[in-house]
């Protein structure tokens, strides 16, 4: 891959064939070129890459949530951010909990995605 545009779905095989560090750099380049101000470009890029990875791998709940949020009026980039916000919040809670479980937090993440709506995300 030579570029990244979050409003265009990357070809899954191309995305997954691209080195992880290169994916992060492509996402960062996009945001720098668009002059999008972010408190932490590196963390923002990591969240983008994780969500894009889930989409490219065909994680059904993530794919369906992305499509549903777009039907509800979000552009693809906004929908990635909405999904990423759930991911970031769940990661934060996971770091604080330390209950030893690895499956339950992921199931909770997927359940939260299923209840995510564009209007709720826009409301903050």
Protein backbone atom coordinates (compact mmCIF):
# COMPACT_ATOMS: atom_id res chain seq x y z
CA UNK A 1 0.00 0.00 0.00
CA UNK A 2 1.23 3.46 -0.81
CA UNK A 3 -1.47 5.55 0.87
CA UNK A 4 -4.38 5.40 3.29
CA UNK A 5 -7.72 7.18 3.22
CA UNK A 6 -10.11 6.27 6.04
CA UNK A 7 -13.09 7.18 3.87
CA UNK A 8 -12.12 4.41 1.43
CA UNK A 9 -12.04 0.82 2.59
CA UNK A 10 -8.61 -0.66 1.93
CA UNK A 11 -8.48 -3.96 0.07
CA UNK A 12 -8.27 -6.41 2.98
CA UNK A 13 -5.46 -8.51 1.47
CA UNK A 14 -3.41 -5.39 0.68
CA UNK A 15 -3.97 -4.00 4.17
CA UNK A 16 -3.02 -7.24 5.90
CA UNK A 17 0.01 -7.75 3.61
CA UNK A 18 1.35 -4.34 4.66
CA UNK A 19 3.75 -4.31 7.59
CA UNK A 20 2.13 -3.10 10.83
CA UNK A 21 4.62 -0.24 11.23
CA UNK A 22 3.88 0.88 7.67
CA UNK A 23 0.12 0.80 8.38
CA UNK A 24 0.71 3.08 11.37
CA UNK A 25 2.80 5.43 9.27
CA UNK A 26 0.21 5.56 6.47
CA UNK A 27 -2.52 6.49 8.97
CA UNK A 28 -0.27 9.14 10.54
CA UNK A 29 0.62 10.59 7.14
CA UNK A 30 -3.06 10.91 6.24
CA UNK A 31 -3.84 12.87 9.40
CA UNK A 32 -0.76 15.10 9.05
CA UNK A 33 -1.53 15.85 5.39
CA UNK A 34 -5.13 16.77 6.27
CA UNK A 35 -3.78 18.94 9.12
CA UNK A 36 -6.05 17.17 11.59
CA UNK A 37 -5.01 18.29 15.08
CA UNK A 38 -4.84 15.42 17.55
CA UNK A 39 -3.63 15.30 21.14
CA UNK A 40 -1.69 12.09 20.42
CA UNK A 41 -1.23 11.19 16.75
CA UNK A 42 0.55 7.92 17.57
CA UNK A 43 -2.23 6.61 19.82
CA UNK A 44 -4.87 7.81 17.35
CA UNK A 45 -3.10 5.93 14.56
CA UNK A 46 -2.86 2.75 16.64
CA UNK A 47 -6.63 2.79 17.24
CA UNK A 48 -7.26 3.34 13.50
CA UNK A 49 -4.99 0.42 12.63
CA UNK A 50 -6.58 -1.94 15.17
CA UNK A 51 -10.08 -1.20 13.87
CA UNK A 52 -8.96 -1.49 10.23
CA UNK A 53 -7.29 -4.80 11.12
CA UNK A 54 -10.54 -6.09 12.60
CA UNK A 55 -12.42 -5.04 9.47
CA UNK A 56 -9.83 -6.58 7.13
CA UNK A 57 -9.90 -9.82 9.14
CA UNK A 58 -13.68 -9.92 8.76
CA UNK A 59 -14.59 -9.58 12.46
CA UNK A 60 -18.33 -9.76 11.86
CA UNK A 61 -19.50 -7.46 14.66
CA UNK A 62 -16.97 -4.77 13.71
CA UNK A 63 -17.79 -5.02 9.99
CA UNK A 64 -21.52 -4.86 10.72
CA UNK A 65 -21.11 -1.96 13.14
CA UNK A 66 -19.09 0.00 10.59
CA UNK A 67 -21.74 -0.54 7.92
CA UNK A 68 -24.60 0.29 10.29
CA UNK A 69 -22.98 3.51 11.51
CA UNK A 70 -22.51 4.59 7.90
CA UNK A 71 -26.17 3.86 7.15
CA UNK A 72 -27.00 6.01 10.18
CA UNK A 73 -25.18 8.94 8.58
CA UNK A 74 -21.55 8.77 9.67
CA UNK A 75 -18.90 8.83 6.98
CA UNK A 76 -16.46 5.93 7.10
CA UNK A 77 -13.79 7.94 8.95
CA UNK A 78 -16.28 9.02 11.63
CA UNK A 79 -17.53 5.44 11.96
CA UNK A 80 -13.96 4.23 12.51
CA UNK A 81 -13.61 6.86 15.23
CA UNK A 82 -16.86 5.76 16.85
CA UNK A 83 -15.72 2.14 16.93
CA UNK A 84 -12.27 3.24 18.07
CA UNK A 85 -13.78 5.19 20.96
CA UNK A 86 -15.42 2.00 22.25
CA UNK A 87 -12.14 0.12 21.81
CA UNK A 88 -10.15 2.80 23.65
CA UNK A 89 -12.60 2.93 26.53
CA UNK A 90 -12.60 -0.85 26.87
CA UNK A 91 -8.79 -0.96 26.79
CA UNK A 92 -8.69 1.67 29.53
CA UNK A 93 -11.05 -0.37 31.72
CA UNK A 94 -9.15 -3.57 30.95
CA UNK A 95 -5.89 -2.00 32.16
CA UNK A 96 -7.56 -1.01 35.42
CA UNK A 97 -9.31 -4.35 36.11
CA UNK A 98 -6.74 -7.17 35.89
CA UNK A 99 -9.22 -9.98 36.50
CA UNK A 100 -7.11 -12.45 34.52
CA UNK A 101 -9.84 -12.99 31.95
CA UNK A 102 -9.02 -12.50 28.28
CA UNK A 103 -12.28 -13.53 26.60
CA UNK A 104 -14.83 -11.63 28.67
CA UNK A 105 -13.47 -8.14 27.86
CA UNK A 106 -13.52 -8.89 24.13
CA UNK A 107 -17.09 -10.16 24.33
CA UNK A 108 -18.02 -6.99 26.25
CA UNK A 109 -16.36 -4.88 23.52
CA UNK A 110 -18.37 -6.64 20.80
CA UNK A 111 -21.60 -6.24 22.78
CA UNK A 112 -20.94 -2.54 23.22
CA UNK A 113 -20.36 -2.20 19.47
CA UNK A 114 -23.69 -3.84 18.77
CA UNK A 115 -25.44 -1.18 20.85
CA UNK A 116 -23.39 1.75 19.48
CA UNK A 117 -25.40 4.23 17.41
CA UNK A 118 -24.36 7.24 15.39
CA UNK A 119 -26.57 9.53 17.47
CA UNK A 120 -25.11 8.27 20.76
CA UNK A 121 -21.57 8.68 19.45
CA UNK A 122 -22.28 12.20 18.20
CA UNK A 123 -23.74 13.08 21.60
CA UNK A 124 -20.47 12.04 23.22
